[in-house]
Amino acid sequence: HSDQEEVSSADSPSGKSVEPFTEFTN
């Protein structure tokens, strides 16, 4: 899905938001 706002913080079992994804990809 192109809209990130519909992705809830439950996508990570630790409850983290989508922001750490970019950190890991680097």
PDB file of all heavy atoms in Angstrom:
ATOM      1  N   HIS A   1       0.863  -1.181   0.000  1.00  0.00           N
ATOM      2  CA  HIS A   1       0.000   0.000   0.000  1.00  0.00           C
ATOM      3  C   HIS A   1       0.893   1.223   0.000  1.00  0.00           C
ATOM      4  O   HIS A   1       1.891   1.292   0.725  1.00  0.00           O
ATOM      5  CB  HIS A   1      -0.922   0.007   1.226  1.00  0.00           C
ATOM      6  CG  HIS A   1      -2.138   0.864   1.040  1.00  0.00           C
ATOM      7  ND1 HIS A   1      -2.098   2.221   1.173  1.00  0.00           N
ATOM      8  CD2 HIS A   1      -3.426   0.541   0.732  1.00  0.00           C
ATOM      9  CE1 HIS A   1      -3.322   2.717   0.958  1.00  0.00           C
ATOM     10  NE2 HIS A   1      -4.140   1.712   0.687  1.00  0.00           N
ATOM     11  N   SER A   2       0.528   2.207  -0.773  1.00  0.00           N
ATOM     12  CA  SER A   2       1.379   3.393  -0.924  1.00  0.00           C
ATOM     13  C   SER A   2       1.294   4.331   0.263  1.00  0.00           C
ATOM     14  O   SER A   2       2.217   5.086   0.544  1.00  0.00           O
ATOM     15  CB  SER A   2       0.995   4.162  -2.196  1.00  0.00           C
ATOM     16  OG  SER A   2      -0.374   4.545  -2.146  1.00  0.00           O
ATOM     17  N   ASP A   3       0.188   4.297   0.993  1.00  0.00           N
ATOM     18  CA  ASP A   3      -0.017   5.233   2.099  1.00  0.00           C
ATOM     19  C   ASP A   3       0.522   4.609   3.379  1.00  0.00           C
ATOM     20  O   ASP A   3       0.010   3.611   3.862  1.00  0.00           O
ATOM     21  CB  ASP A   3      -1.510   5.550   2.249  1.00  0.00           C
ATOM     22  CG  ASP A   3      -1.732   6.701   3.215  1.00  0.00           C
ATOM     23  OD1 ASP A   3      -0.729   7.248   3.725  1.00  0.00           O
ATOM     24  OD2 ASP A   3      -2.911   7.039   3.455  1.00  0.00           O
ATOM     25  N   GLN A   4       1.564   5.193   3.963  1.00  0.00           N
ATOM     26  CA  GLN A   4       2.157   4.663   5.185  1.00  0.00           C
ATOM     27  C   GLN A   4       1.287   4.918   6.405  1.00  0.00           C
ATOM     28  O   GLN A   4       1.469   4.277   7.429  1.00  0.00           O
ATOM     29  CB  GLN A   4       3.533   5.294   5.422  1.00  0.00           C
ATOM     30  CG  GLN A   4       4.585   4.847   4.418  1.00  0.00           C
ATOM     31  CD  GLN A   4       5.959   5.345   4.827  1.00  0.00           C
ATOM     32  OE1 GLN A   4       6.098   5.989   5.865  1.00  0.00           O
ATOM     33  NE2 GLN A   4       6.948   5.054   4.010  1.00  0.00           N
ATOM     34  N   GLU A   5       0.352   5.849   6.348  1.00  0.00           N
ATOM     35  CA  GLU A   5      -0.446   6.175   7.523  1.00  0.00           C
ATOM     36  C   GLU A   5      -1.356   5.032   7.918  1.00  0.00           C
ATOM     37  O   GLU A   5      -1.771   4.937   9.072  1.00  0.00           O
ATOM     38  CB  GLU A   5      -1.286   7.434   7.248  1.00  0.00           C
ATOM     39  CG  GLU A   5      -0.438   8.690   7.051  1.00  0.00           C
ATOM     40  CD  GLU A   5      -1.297   9.902   6.790  1.00  0.00           C
ATOM     41  OE1 GLU A   5      -2.537   9.724   6.724  1.00  0.00           O
ATOM     42  OE2 GLU A   5      -0.741  11.006   6.670  1.00  0.00           O
ATOM     43  N   GLU A   6      -1.706   4.130   6.975  1.00  0.00           N
ATOM     44  CA  GLU A   6      -2.585   3.024   7.302  1.00  0.00           C
ATOM     45  C   GLU A   6      -1.840   1.867   7.944  1.00  0.00           C
ATOM     46  O   GLU A   6      -2.424   0.905   8.383  1.00  0.00           O
ATOM     47  CB  GLU A   6      -3.295   2.523   6.036  1.00  0.00           C
ATOM     48  CG  GLU A   6      -4.226   3.561   5.442  1.00  0.00           C
ATOM     49  CD  GLU A   6      -5.050   2.976   4.300  1.00  0.00           C
ATOM     50  OE1 GLU A   6      -5.016   1.746   4.128  1.00  0.00           O
ATOM     51  OE2 GLU A   6      -5.710   3.754   3.611  1.00  0.00           O
ATOM     52  N   VAL A   7      -0.500   1.953   7.983  1.00  0.00           N
ATOM     53  CA  VAL A   7       0.280   0.915   8.636  1.00  0.00           C
ATOM     54  C   VAL A   7       0.368   1.245  10.115  1.00  0.00           C
ATOM     55  O   VAL A   7       0.912   2.269  10.498  1.00  0.00           O
ATOM     56  CB  VAL A   7       1.693   0.836   8.020  1.00  0.00           C
ATOM     57  CG1 VAL A   7       2.491  -0.279   8.680  1.00  0.00           C
ATOM     58  CG2 VAL A   7       1.596   0.616   6.520  1.00  0.00           C
ATOM     59  N   SER A   8      -0.155   0.365  10.938  1.00  0.00           N
ATOM     60  CA  SER A   8      -0.204   0.625  12.379  1.00  0.00           C
ATOM     61  C   SER A   8       1.125   0.258  13.010  1.00  0.00           C
ATOM     62  O   SER A   8       1.973  -0.405  12.421  1.00  0.00           O
ATOM     63  CB  SER A   8      -1.319  -0.208  13.025  1.00  0.00           C
ATOM     64  OG  SER A   8      -1.062  -1.582  12.861  1.00  0.00           O
ATOM     65  N   SER A   9       1.299   0.683  14.250  1.00  0.00           N
ATOM     66  CA  SER A   9       2.521   0.380  14.982  1.00  0.00           C
ATOM     67  C   SER A   9       2.596  -1.086  15.362  1.00  0.00           C
ATOM     68  O   SER A   9       3.631  -1.550  15.851  1.00  0.00           O
ATOM     69  CB  SER A   9       2.579   1.237  16.250  1.00  0.00           C
ATOM     70  OG  SER A   9       1.458   0.952  17.083  1.00  0.00           O
ATOM     71  N   ALA A  10       1.514  -1.841  15.152  1.00  0.00           N
ATOM     72  CA  ALA A  10       1.518  -3.277  15.472  1.00  0.00           C
ATOM     73  C   ALA A  10       2.298  -4.091  14.457  1.00  0.00           C
ATOM     74  O   ALA A  10       2.432  -5.301  14.602  1.00  0.00           O
ATOM     75  CB  ALA A  10       0.082  -3.801  15.535  1.00  0.00           C
ATOM     76  N   ASP A  11       2.854  -3.451  13.427  1.00  0.00           N
ATOM     77  CA  ASP A  11       3.636  -4.184  12.440  1.00  0.00           C
ATOM     78  C   ASP A  11       4.931  -4.711  13.029  1.00  0.00           C
ATOM     79  O   ASP A  11       5.582  -5.547  12.436  1.00  0.00           O
ATOM     80  CB  ASP A  11       3.965  -3.297  11.234  1.00  0.00           C
ATOM     81  CG  ASP A  11       2.749  -3.120  10.348  1.00  0.00           C
ATOM     82  OD1 ASP A  11       1.891  -4.010  10.360  1.00  0.00           O
ATOM     83  OD2 ASP A  11       2.676  -2.091   9.655  1.00  0.00           O
ATOM     84  N   SER A  12       5.342  -4.252  14.140  1.00  0.00           N
ATOM     85  CA  SER A  12       6.518  -4.767  14.815  1.00  0.00           C
ATOM     86  C   SER A  12       6.098  -5.362  16.148  1.00  0.00           C
ATOM     87  O   SER A  12       5.351  -4.728  16.892  1.00  0.00           O
ATOM     88  CB  SER A  12       7.536  -3.646  15.046  1.00  0.00           C
ATOM     89  OG  SER A  12       8.603  -4.108  15.829  1.00  0.00           O
ATOM     90  N   PRO A  13       6.534  -6.564  16.511  1.00  0.00           N
ATOM     91  CA  PRO A  13       6.117  -7.153  17.780  1.00  0.00           C
ATOM     92  C   PRO A  13       6.604  -6.362  18.981  1.00  0.00           C
ATOM     93  O   PRO A  13       6.060  -6.480  20.075  1.00  0.00           O
ATOM     94  CB  PRO A  13       6.768  -8.547  17.750  1.00  0.00           C
ATOM     95  CG  PRO A  13       7.868  -8.449  16.753  1.00  0.00           C
ATOM     96  CD  PRO A  13       7.408  -7.432  15.755  1.00  0.00           C
ATOM     97  N   SER A  14       7.636  -5.543  18.780  1.00  0.00           N
ATOM     98  CA  SER A  14       8.113  -4.728  19.898  1.00  0.00           C
ATOM     99  C   SER A  14       7.333  -3.432  20.043  1.00  0.00           C
ATOM    100  O   SER A  14       7.574  -2.666  20.977  1.00  0.00           O
ATOM    101  CB  SER A  14       9.601  -4.411  19.702  1.00  0.00           C
ATOM    102  OG  SER A  14       9.790  -3.700  18.493  1.00  0.00           O
ATOM    103  N   GLY A  15       6.372  -3.164  19.121  1.00  0.00           N
ATOM    104  CA  GLY A  15       5.539  -1.972  19.197  1.00  0.00           C
ATOM    105  C   GLY A  15       6.171  -0.759  18.573  1.00  0.00           C
ATOM    106  O   GLY A  15       5.653   0.351  18.707  1.00  0.00           O
ATOM    107  N   LYS A  16       7.298  -0.918  17.842  1.00  0.00           N
ATOM    108  CA  LYS A  16       7.961   0.228  17.230  1.00  0.00           C
ATOM    109  C   LYS A  16       7.207   0.676  15.997  1.00  0.00           C
ATOM    110  O   LYS A  16       6.511  -0.085  15.355  1.00  0.00           O
ATOM    111  CB  LYS A  16       9.397  -0.137  16.853  1.00  0.00           C
ATOM    112  CG  LYS A  16      10.289  -0.421  18.061  1.00  0.00           C
ATOM    113  CD  LYS A  16      11.689  -0.750  17.626  1.00  0.00           C
ATOM    114  CE  LYS A  16      12.586  -1.033  18.821  1.00  0.00           C
ATOM    115  NZ  LYS A  16      13.961  -1.365  18.409  1.00  0.00           N
ATOM    116  N   SER A  17       7.362   1.918  15.622  1.00  0.00           N
ATOM    117  CA  SER A  17       6.700   2.466  14.443  1.00  0.00           C
ATOM    118  C   SER A  17       7.507   2.122  13.204  1.00  0.00           C
ATOM    119  O   SER A  17       8.490   1.398  13.253  1.00  0.00           O
ATOM    120  CB  SER A  17       6.552   3.985  14.584  1.00  0.00           C
ATOM    121  OG  SER A  17       7.825   4.578  14.668  1.00  0.00           O
ATOM    122  N   VAL A  18       7.116   2.720  12.070  1.00  0.00           N
ATOM    123  CA  VAL A  18       7.760   2.429  10.801  1.00  0.00           C
ATOM    124  C   VAL A  18       9.118   3.112  10.687  1.00  0.00           C
ATOM    125  O   VAL A  18       9.938   2.733   9.879  1.00  0.00           O
ATOM    126  CB  VAL A  18       6.828   2.868   9.650  1.00  0.00           C
ATOM    127  CG1 VAL A  18       7.418   2.471   8.306  1.00  0.00           C
ATOM    128  CG2 VAL A  18       5.450   2.245   9.807  1.00  0.00           C
ATOM    129  N   GLU A  19       9.423   4.095  11.482  1.00  0.00           N
ATOM    130  CA  GLU A  19      10.651   4.878  11.347  1.00  0.00           C
ATOM    131  C   GLU A  19      11.931   4.050  11.423  1.00  0.00           C
ATOM    132  O   GLU A  19      12.858   4.286  10.653  1.00  0.00           O
ATOM    133  CB  GLU A  19      10.683   5.985  12.415  1.00  0.00           C
ATOM    134  CG  GLU A  19       9.595   7.027  12.197  1.00  0.00           C
ATOM    135  CD  GLU A  19       9.624   8.080  13.286  1.00  0.00           C
ATOM    136  OE1 GLU A  19      10.466   7.946  14.201  1.00  0.00           O
ATOM    137  OE2 GLU A  19       8.817   9.013  13.227  1.00  0.00           O
ATOM    138  N   PRO A  20      12.020   3.042  12.336  1.00  0.00           N
ATOM    139  CA  PRO A  20      13.283   2.282  12.394  1.00  0.00           C
ATOM    140  C   PRO A  20      13.598   1.510  11.122  1.00  0.00           C
ATOM    141  O   PRO A  20      14.740   1.103  10.933  1.00  0.00           O
ATOM    142  CB  PRO A  20      13.060   1.313  13.561  1.00  0.00           C
ATOM    143  CG  PRO A  20      12.043   1.981  14.404  1.00  0.00           C
ATOM    144  CD  PRO A  20      11.143   2.692  13.439  1.00  0.00           C
ATOM    145  N   PHE A  21      12.636   1.280  10.238  1.00  0.00           N
ATOM    146  CA  PHE A  21      12.898   0.522   9.006  1.00  0.00           C
ATOM    147  C   PHE A  21      13.997   1.188   8.192  1.00  0.00           C
ATOM    148  O   PHE A  21      14.901   0.536   7.702  1.00  0.00           O
ATOM    149  CB  PHE A  21      11.635   0.412   8.157  1.00  0.00           C
ATOM    150  CG  PHE A  21      10.603  -0.501   8.771  1.00  0.00           C
ATOM    151  CD1 PHE A  21       9.267  -0.171   8.704  1.00  0.00           C
ATOM    152  CD2 PHE A  21      10.959  -1.686   9.396  1.00  0.00           C
ATOM    153  CE1 PHE A  21       8.312  -1.008   9.256  1.00  0.00           C
ATOM    154  CE2 PHE A  21      10.014  -2.514   9.944  1.00  0.00           C
ATOM    155  CZ  PHE A  21       8.693  -2.181   9.887  1.00  0.00           C
ATOM    156  N   THR A  22      13.910   2.505   8.032  1.00  0.00           N
ATOM    157  CA  THR A  22      14.912   3.214   7.237  1.00  0.00           C
ATOM    158  C   THR A  22      16.281   3.147   7.907  1.00  0.00           C
ATOM    159  O   THR A  22      17.307   3.113   7.227  1.00  0.00           O
ATOM    160  CB  THR A  22      14.497   4.679   7.067  1.00  0.00           C
ATOM    161  OG1 THR A  22      14.266   5.260   8.346  1.00  0.00           O
ATOM    162  CG2 THR A  22      13.224   4.780   6.234  1.00  0.00           C
ATOM    163  N   GLU A  23      16.283   3.098   9.219  1.00  0.00           N
ATOM    164  CA  GLU A  23      17.551   3.010   9.940  1.00  0.00           C
ATOM    165  C   GLU A  23      18.234   1.670   9.664  1.00  0.00           C
ATOM    166  O   GLU A  23      19.440   1.605   9.459  1.00  0.00           O
ATOM    167  CB  GLU A  23      17.295   3.173  11.440  1.00  0.00           C
ATOM    168  CG  GLU A  23      18.553   3.066  12.287  1.00  0.00           C
ATOM    169  CD  GLU A  23      18.227   3.127  13.765  1.00  0.00           C
ATOM    170  OE1 GLU A  23      17.065   3.439  14.095  1.00  0.00           O
ATOM    171  OE2 GLU A  23      19.132   2.825  14.566  1.00  0.00           O
ATOM    172  N   PHE A  24      17.464   0.592   9.631  1.00  0.00           N
ATOM    173  CA  PHE A  24      18.023  -0.729   9.399  1.00  0.00           C
ATOM    174  C   PHE A  24      18.486  -0.904   7.958  1.00  0.00           C
ATOM    175  O   PHE A  24      19.480  -1.558   7.697  1.00  0.00           O
ATOM    176  CB  PHE A  24      17.002  -1.813   9.755  1.00  0.00           C
ATOM    177  CG  PHE A  24      16.745  -1.917  11.234  1.00  0.00           C
ATOM    178  CD1 PHE A  24      15.619  -2.550  11.715  1.00  0.00           C
ATOM    179  CD2 PHE A  24      17.636  -1.370  12.142  1.00  0.00           C
ATOM    180  CE1 PHE A  24      15.385  -2.646  13.076  1.00  0.00           C
ATOM    181  CE2 PHE A  24      17.411  -1.462  13.510  1.00  0.00           C
ATOM    182  CZ  PHE A  24      16.279  -2.099  13.973  1.00  0.00           C
ATOM    183  N   THR A  25      17.766  -0.326   7.022  1.00  0.00           N
ATOM    184  CA  THR A  25      18.141  -0.507   5.617  1.00  0.00           C
ATOM    185  C   THR A  25      19.478   0.147   5.308  1.00  0.00           C
ATOM    186  O   THR A  25      20.171  -0.260   4.372  1.00  0.00           O
ATOM    187  CB  THR A  25      17.072   0.104   4.687  1.00  0.00           C
ATOM    188  OG1 THR A  25      16.830   1.449   5.069  1.00  0.00           O
ATOM    189  CG2 THR A  25      15.789  -0.689   4.755  1.00  0.00           C
ATOM    190  N   ASN A  26      19.870   1.147   6.061  1.00  0.00           N
ATOM    191  CA  ASN A  26      21.165   1.800   5.820  1.00  0.00           C
ATOM    192  C   ASN A  26      22.340   0.941   6.277  1.00  0.00           C
ATOM    193  O   ASN A  26      23.465   1.139   5.835  1.00  0.00           O
ATOM    194  CB  ASN A  26      21.221   3.150   6.558  1.00  0.00           C
ATOM    195  CG  ASN A  26      20.201   4.129   5.992  1.00  0.00           C
ATOM    196  OD1 ASN A  26      19.862   4.069   4.820  1.00  0.00           O
ATOM    197  ND2 ASN A  26      19.726   5.043   6.845  1.00  0.00           N
TER     198      ASN A  26
END
